[in-house]
Amino acid sequence: MISANPLQVHSAGTFDLKAYLKERQALVEAALEAAIPIAYPEKIYHAMRYSLMAGGKRLRPILCLATCELMGGTVEMAMPTACALEMIHTMSLIHDDLPAMDNDDYRRGKPTNHKVYGEDIAILAGDGLLAYAFEYLVERTKNVPAEYLLKIVARLGHAVAATGLVGGQVVDLECEGRSDIDLETLHFIHSHKTGALLEAAVVSGALLTGANESDVARLSRYASNIGLAFQIVDDILDITSTRDVLGKTAGKDAAAQKVTYPRLWGLEKSRQEAERLVAEAKAELAVYGAAAVPLQAIADYITSRSH
């Protein structure tokens, strides 16, 4: 049984986001640790666990848990979907780091999967995590109608396929080294490559509870805004931060001659746009009152984070 202090909301009405994220991160870490035991052939399980358990913010699972609670659900009913989201996200990181893609040597402060296990096993580790994510959420979710789970499976598939992450990655690769990329194309890349799975994390938390179309649409708009803000901040940090802080190579976008938001807008306008998107995201949730405070605080965290 998963238990959690519902919200770190004090009598004075303040919200301790740091404590909330730490608590939820610990719950997610414990669930992920138990999700993939070592079996034969051991090498692939070790490779899958290497990247899955390498740390990270666990933002997508936490968004799923928070949205499920906002809509009247529980951490327990949402945790399998939350873990599945992190498995899918980890797959995308393993594949994104490959030499044929973004070619990075570090992720979350550690050598990337292919640097430790080789490109062949890294590809298969990503494939294994992606496939297992769907099995895991269906097999482990309790007290949720099958029709709700079908909607979540469809939503996650859509977020990963050519309609989502894969499509965004393809356009990103095609645009590398080009200087004629416009804002519309950049929006397409990031709303698909980064935003689609973030949006799926939020929406799937709502779908677990059978949320109505109006709530799903509102939460979708919130997620779309924070997803784009997240990527803008990533672009800013790639310029302004270091590898030690980021846990991955800094300055990579410029080295690859990628068009980014700071390159199109400059740093100041990029920061302003990220802040505008977060403000709009928070406004979408105002109708829920104090119950939406965790999701609103997470939106603020996106623009204030250092990695």
Protein backbone atom coordinates (compact mmCIF):
# COMPACT_ATOMS: atom_id res chain seq x y z
CA MET A 1 0.00 0.00 0.00
CA ILE A 2 1.42 3.36 -1.02
CA SER A 3 0.70 6.12 1.42
CA ALA A 4 1.60 9.77 1.24
CA ASN A 5 0.90 12.98 3.02
CA PRO A 6 -1.66 14.36 0.53
CA LEU A 7 -0.34 17.93 0.21
CA GLN A 8 2.36 19.80 2.07
CA VAL A 9 -0.10 22.66 2.65
CA HIS A 10 0.32 24.45 5.96
CA SER A 11 -2.36 26.10 8.02
CA ALA A 12 -1.09 29.47 6.86
CA GLY A 13 -1.85 28.41 3.30
CA THR A 14 1.76 28.06 2.16
CA PHE A 15 2.99 25.16 0.10
CA ASP A 16 6.39 23.52 0.56
CA LEU A 17 7.23 22.46 -2.99
CA LYS A 18 10.70 21.23 -2.07
CA ALA A 19 9.29 18.86 0.55
CA TYR A 20 6.49 17.78 -1.79
CA LEU A 21 8.87 16.96 -4.66
CA LYS A 22 11.26 15.14 -2.31
CA GLU A 23 8.44 13.03 -0.87
CA ARG A 24 6.94 12.16 -4.25
CA GLN A 25 10.34 11.48 -5.77
CA ALA A 26 11.07 8.99 -2.99
CA LEU A 27 7.76 7.21 -3.62
CA VAL A 28 8.48 6.99 -7.35
CA GLU A 29 12.06 5.79 -6.78
CA ALA A 30 10.86 3.00 -4.50
CA ALA A 31 8.25 1.88 -7.04
CA LEU A 32 10.76 1.95 -9.91
CA GLU A 33 13.33 0.04 -7.85
CA ALA A 34 10.84 -2.80 -7.43
CA ALA A 35 9.52 -2.65 -10.98
CA ILE A 36 12.38 -4.34 -12.83
CA PRO A 37 14.09 -7.20 -10.97
CA ILE A 38 17.17 -8.81 -12.50
CA ALA A 39 16.46 -11.94 -14.55
CA TYR A 40 18.06 -13.85 -17.42
CA PRO A 41 19.63 -12.51 -19.63
CA GLU A 42 21.01 -10.35 -16.84
CA LYS A 43 22.86 -7.89 -19.08
CA ILE A 44 19.72 -6.33 -20.56
CA TYR A 45 18.05 -5.96 -17.16
CA HIS A 46 21.16 -4.31 -15.76
CA ALA A 47 21.24 -1.94 -18.75
CA MET A 48 17.57 -1.05 -18.35
CA ARG A 49 17.99 -0.43 -14.63
CA TYR A 50 21.21 1.54 -15.14
CA SER A 51 19.39 4.36 -16.89
CA LEU A 52 16.04 3.99 -15.14
CA MET A 53 17.61 4.31 -11.69
CA ALA A 54 20.17 6.99 -12.60
CA GLY A 55 18.22 9.69 -10.76
CA GLY A 56 16.54 12.65 -12.40
CA LYS A 57 13.72 14.94 -11.38
CA ARG A 58 10.96 12.32 -11.95
CA LEU A 59 8.84 15.24 -13.13
CA ARG A 60 6.55 13.22 -15.41
CA PRO A 61 5.55 10.65 -12.77
CA ILE A 62 5.04 13.39 -10.20
CA LEU A 63 2.80 15.30 -12.61
CA CYS A 64 0.76 12.14 -13.15
CA LEU A 65 0.36 11.54 -9.41
CA ALA A 66 -0.53 15.18 -8.71
CA THR A 67 -3.15 15.32 -11.46
CA CYS A 68 -4.74 12.06 -10.39
CA GLU A 69 -5.08 13.40 -6.85
CA LEU A 70 -6.47 16.71 -8.11
CA MET A 71 -9.19 14.78 -9.93
CA GLY A 72 -10.08 12.75 -6.84
CA GLY A 73 -7.82 9.74 -7.33
CA THR A 74 -4.99 8.34 -5.20
CA VAL A 75 -1.24 7.93 -5.42
CA GLU A 76 -1.70 4.15 -5.28
CA MET A 77 -3.95 3.95 -8.34
CA ALA A 78 -1.67 6.28 -10.34
CA MET A 79 1.75 4.85 -9.46
CA PRO A 80 1.90 2.13 -12.17
CA THR A 81 1.12 4.73 -14.86
CA ALA A 82 3.63 7.10 -13.27
CA CYS A 83 6.32 4.41 -13.45
CA ALA A 84 5.40 3.58 -17.04
CA LEU A 85 5.85 7.26 -17.95
CA GLU A 86 9.34 7.25 -16.45
CA MET A 87 10.22 4.05 -18.32
CA ILE A 88 9.13 5.65 -21.59
CA HIS A 89 10.98 8.87 -20.78
CA THR A 90 14.13 6.88 -19.94
CA MET A 91 13.88 5.05 -23.26
CA SER A 92 13.79 8.40 -25.05
CA LEU A 93 16.91 9.56 -23.19
CA ILE A 94 18.85 6.36 -23.97
CA HIS A 95 17.99 6.62 -27.66
CA ASP A 96 18.47 10.40 -27.80
CA ASP A 97 22.03 10.03 -26.48
CA LEU A 98 23.07 7.52 -29.17
CA PRO A 99 25.77 8.56 -31.68
CA ALA A 100 23.23 8.43 -34.51
CA MET A 101 21.02 10.91 -32.65
CA ASP A 102 22.31 13.63 -30.27
CA ASN A 103 25.54 11.76 -29.49
CA ASP A 104 26.05 12.55 -25.82
CA ASP A 105 28.51 10.96 -23.41
CA TYR A 106 26.79 11.97 -20.17
CA ARG A 107 23.27 11.87 -18.80
CA ARG A 108 22.24 12.71 -15.23
CA GLY A 109 25.92 13.06 -14.35
CA LYS A 110 26.80 9.51 -15.44
CA PRO A 111 28.17 7.99 -18.67
CA THR A 112 25.34 7.40 -21.10
CA ASN A 113 23.95 3.89 -21.56
CA HIS A 114 25.78 3.17 -24.81
CA LYS A 115 29.08 4.26 -23.23
CA VAL A 116 28.65 1.58 -20.57
CA TYR A 117 26.87 -1.24 -22.42
CA GLY A 118 27.54 -0.52 -26.10
CA GLU A 119 25.18 0.81 -28.75
CA ASP A 120 23.52 -2.55 -29.43
CA ILE A 121 22.49 -3.16 -25.82
CA ALA A 122 21.54 0.50 -25.32
CA ILE A 123 19.08 0.32 -28.23
CA LEU A 124 17.62 -2.89 -26.85
CA ALA A 125 17.44 -1.46 -23.31
CA GLY A 126 15.36 1.41 -24.66
CA ASP A 127 13.14 -1.00 -26.59
CA GLY A 128 12.73 -3.16 -23.49
CA LEU A 129 11.69 -0.22 -21.32
CA LEU A 130 9.19 1.04 -23.89
CA ALA A 131 7.47 -2.32 -24.29
CA TYR A 132 7.49 -3.12 -20.59
CA ALA A 133 5.97 0.26 -19.72
CA PHE A 134 2.66 -0.69 -21.34
CA GLU A 135 2.62 -4.17 -19.80
CA TYR A 136 3.44 -2.73 -16.39
CA LEU A 137 0.70 -0.10 -16.28
CA VAL A 138 -1.97 -2.55 -17.43
CA GLU A 139 -0.91 -5.42 -15.15
CA ARG A 140 -0.18 -3.39 -12.01
CA THR A 141 -2.99 -0.81 -11.96
CA LYS A 142 -5.72 -1.76 -9.51
CA ASN A 143 -9.25 -0.46 -9.02
CA VAL A 144 -9.34 1.40 -12.34
CA PRO A 145 -11.84 0.39 -15.05
CA ALA A 146 -10.29 -1.26 -18.11
CA GLU A 147 -11.86 1.35 -20.39
CA TYR A 148 -9.86 4.07 -18.60
CA LEU A 149 -6.64 2.10 -19.01
CA LEU A 150 -7.34 1.68 -22.73
CA LYS A 151 -7.57 5.46 -23.09
CA ILE A 152 -4.25 5.87 -21.26
CA VAL A 153 -2.51 3.25 -23.41
CA ALA A 154 -3.76 5.03 -26.54
CA ARG A 155 -2.67 8.43 -25.18
CA LEU A 156 0.83 7.20 -24.32
CA GLY A 157 1.21 5.46 -27.68
CA HIS A 158 0.20 8.67 -29.45
CA ALA A 159 2.72 10.66 -27.38
CA VAL A 160 5.61 8.37 -28.35
CA ALA A 161 4.83 7.56 -32.00
CA ALA A 162 5.39 9.66 -35.12
CA THR A 163 2.50 11.76 -33.82
CA GLY A 164 4.62 12.71 -30.80
CA LEU A 165 8.17 12.12 -29.60
CA VAL A 166 9.39 10.22 -32.67
CA GLY A 167 7.99 12.80 -35.07
CA GLY A 168 9.59 15.64 -33.12
CA GLN A 169 12.94 13.83 -33.09
CA VAL A 170 12.82 13.28 -36.86
CA VAL A 171 12.22 16.97 -37.59
CA ASP A 172 14.90 17.89 -35.05
CA LEU A 173 17.44 15.72 -36.86
CA GLU A 174 16.42 17.12 -40.24
CA CYS A 175 16.90 20.68 -39.00
CA GLU A 176 20.34 20.17 -37.45
CA GLY A 177 22.93 22.50 -38.94
CA ARG A 178 20.35 24.61 -40.78
CA SER A 179 19.98 28.34 -40.13
CA ASP A 180 16.64 28.82 -41.86
CA ILE A 181 14.43 27.17 -39.24
CA ASP A 182 11.42 29.29 -38.34
CA LEU A 183 9.53 29.55 -35.07
CA GLU A 184 6.67 27.33 -36.27
CA THR A 185 9.07 24.48 -37.00
CA LEU A 186 10.84 24.92 -33.67
CA HIS A 187 7.47 24.83 -31.89
CA PHE A 188 6.61 21.62 -33.76
CA ILE A 189 9.86 19.96 -32.73
CA HIS A 190 9.52 20.73 -29.05
CA SER A 191 5.77 20.32 -28.67
CA HIS A 192 6.28 16.80 -30.03
CA LYS A 193 9.74 15.81 -28.81
CA THR A 194 9.36 17.15 -25.25
CA GLY A 195 5.82 18.43 -24.79
CA ALA A 196 3.85 15.37 -25.92
CA LEU A 197 5.02 13.09 -23.10
CA LEU A 198 4.69 15.84 -20.48
CA GLU A 199 1.13 16.41 -21.65
CA ALA A 200 0.46 12.67 -21.57
CA ALA A 201 1.73 12.54 -17.98
CA VAL A 202 -0.80 15.13 -16.86
CA VAL A 203 -3.71 13.85 -18.94
CA SER A 204 -3.17 10.20 -17.99
CA GLY A 205 -3.43 11.17 -14.31
CA ALA A 206 -6.85 12.63 -15.07
CA LEU A 207 -7.96 9.72 -17.27
CA LEU A 208 -7.32 7.30 -14.41
CA THR A 209 -10.22 8.93 -12.56
CA GLY A 210 -12.60 9.11 -15.51
CA ALA A 211 -12.29 12.90 -15.68
CA ASN A 212 -14.72 14.64 -18.03
CA GLU A 213 -13.77 16.21 -21.36
CA SER A 214 -13.77 19.74 -19.97
CA ASP A 215 -11.27 18.88 -17.23
CA VAL A 216 -9.08 16.90 -19.64
CA ALA A 217 -9.01 19.84 -22.08
CA ARG A 218 -8.12 22.29 -19.30
CA LEU A 219 -5.35 20.05 -17.98
CA SER A 220 -4.11 19.50 -21.54
CA ARG A 221 -3.70 23.26 -22.01
CA TYR A 222 -1.87 23.51 -18.68
CA ALA A 223 0.48 20.70 -19.72
CA SER A 224 1.06 22.09 -23.21
CA ASN A 225 2.14 25.42 -21.72
CA ILE A 226 4.49 23.96 -19.13
CA GLY A 227 5.91 21.56 -21.74
CA LEU A 228 6.94 24.42 -24.02
CA ALA A 229 8.21 26.46 -21.06
CA PHE A 230 10.26 23.44 -19.97
CA GLN A 231 11.98 23.26 -23.36
CA ILE A 232 12.66 27.02 -23.50
CA VAL A 233 14.33 26.79 -20.08
CA ASP A 234 16.33 23.76 -21.29
CA ASP A 235 17.58 25.83 -24.23
CA ILE A 236 18.54 28.66 -21.87
CA LEU A 237 20.36 26.32 -19.47
CA ASP A 238 22.31 24.76 -22.35
CA ILE A 239 23.85 28.20 -22.84
CA THR A 240 24.11 29.46 -19.27
CA SER A 241 24.87 26.34 -17.19
CA THR A 242 27.68 23.78 -16.90
CA ARG A 243 27.93 20.02 -17.25
CA ASP A 244 28.39 19.61 -13.50
CA VAL A 245 25.08 21.38 -12.83
CA LEU A 246 23.12 19.94 -15.76
CA GLY A 247 24.39 16.38 -15.46
CA LYS A 248 24.83 16.34 -19.25
CA THR A 249 26.98 18.15 -21.78
CA ALA A 250 26.41 21.91 -21.83
CA GLY A 251 26.76 23.97 -25.01
CA LYS A 252 25.68 20.99 -27.08
CA ASP A 253 23.02 22.89 -29.05
CA ALA A 254 25.47 25.50 -30.29
CA ALA A 255 28.06 22.85 -31.15
CA ALA A 256 25.46 20.99 -33.23
CA GLN A 257 24.31 24.27 -34.81
CA LYS A 258 20.76 23.72 -33.58
CA VAL A 259 18.16 26.44 -33.81
CA THR A 260 16.93 27.16 -30.28
CA TYR A 261 14.61 29.69 -28.67
CA PRO A 262 17.50 31.85 -27.40
CA ARG A 263 19.02 31.79 -30.88
CA LEU A 264 15.75 33.09 -32.38
CA TRP A 265 14.65 35.39 -29.55
CA GLY A 266 17.70 36.05 -27.39
CA LEU A 267 17.99 35.04 -23.72
CA GLU A 268 15.83 37.78 -22.22
CA LYS A 269 12.84 37.31 -24.51
CA SER A 270 13.14 33.53 -24.07
CA ARG A 271 12.93 33.94 -20.29
CA GLN A 272 9.93 36.25 -20.65
CA GLU A 273 8.14 33.79 -22.93
CA ALA A 274 8.75 30.90 -20.51
CA GLU A 275 7.32 33.01 -17.68
CA ARG A 276 4.28 33.94 -19.78
CA LEU A 277 3.58 30.29 -20.58
CA VAL A 278 3.82 29.34 -16.91
CA ALA A 279 1.44 32.14 -15.92
CA GLU A 280 -1.09 30.91 -18.51
CA ALA A 281 -0.67 27.34 -17.28
CA LYS A 282 -1.37 28.36 -13.69
CA ALA A 283 -4.40 30.39 -14.76
CA GLU A 284 -5.92 27.29 -16.38
CA LEU A 285 -6.04 25.64 -12.94
CA ALA A 286 -7.46 28.57 -10.97
CA VAL A 287 -10.93 27.01 -11.14
CA TYR A 288 -9.76 24.17 -8.86
CA GLY A 289 -8.72 26.49 -6.02
CA ALA A 290 -6.26 25.28 -3.36
CA ALA A 291 -6.36 21.70 -4.67
CA ALA A 292 -4.38 22.81 -7.72
CA VAL A 293 -1.55 24.39 -5.70
CA PRO A 294 0.91 21.48 -6.28
CA LEU A 295 0.50 21.62 -10.07
CA GLN A 296 0.77 25.41 -10.04
CA ALA A 297 3.92 25.25 -7.92
CA ILE A 298 5.44 22.69 -10.31
CA ALA A 299 4.77 25.13 -13.16
CA ASP A 300 6.74 27.81 -11.28
CA TYR A 301 9.54 25.31 -10.62
CA ILE A 302 9.98 24.76 -14.36
CA THR A 303 11.19 28.32 -14.94
CA SER A 304 13.23 28.57 -11.73
CA ARG A 305 15.13 25.27 -12.00
CA SER A 306 18.89 25.08 -12.53
CA HIS A 307 19.02 21.72 -14.31
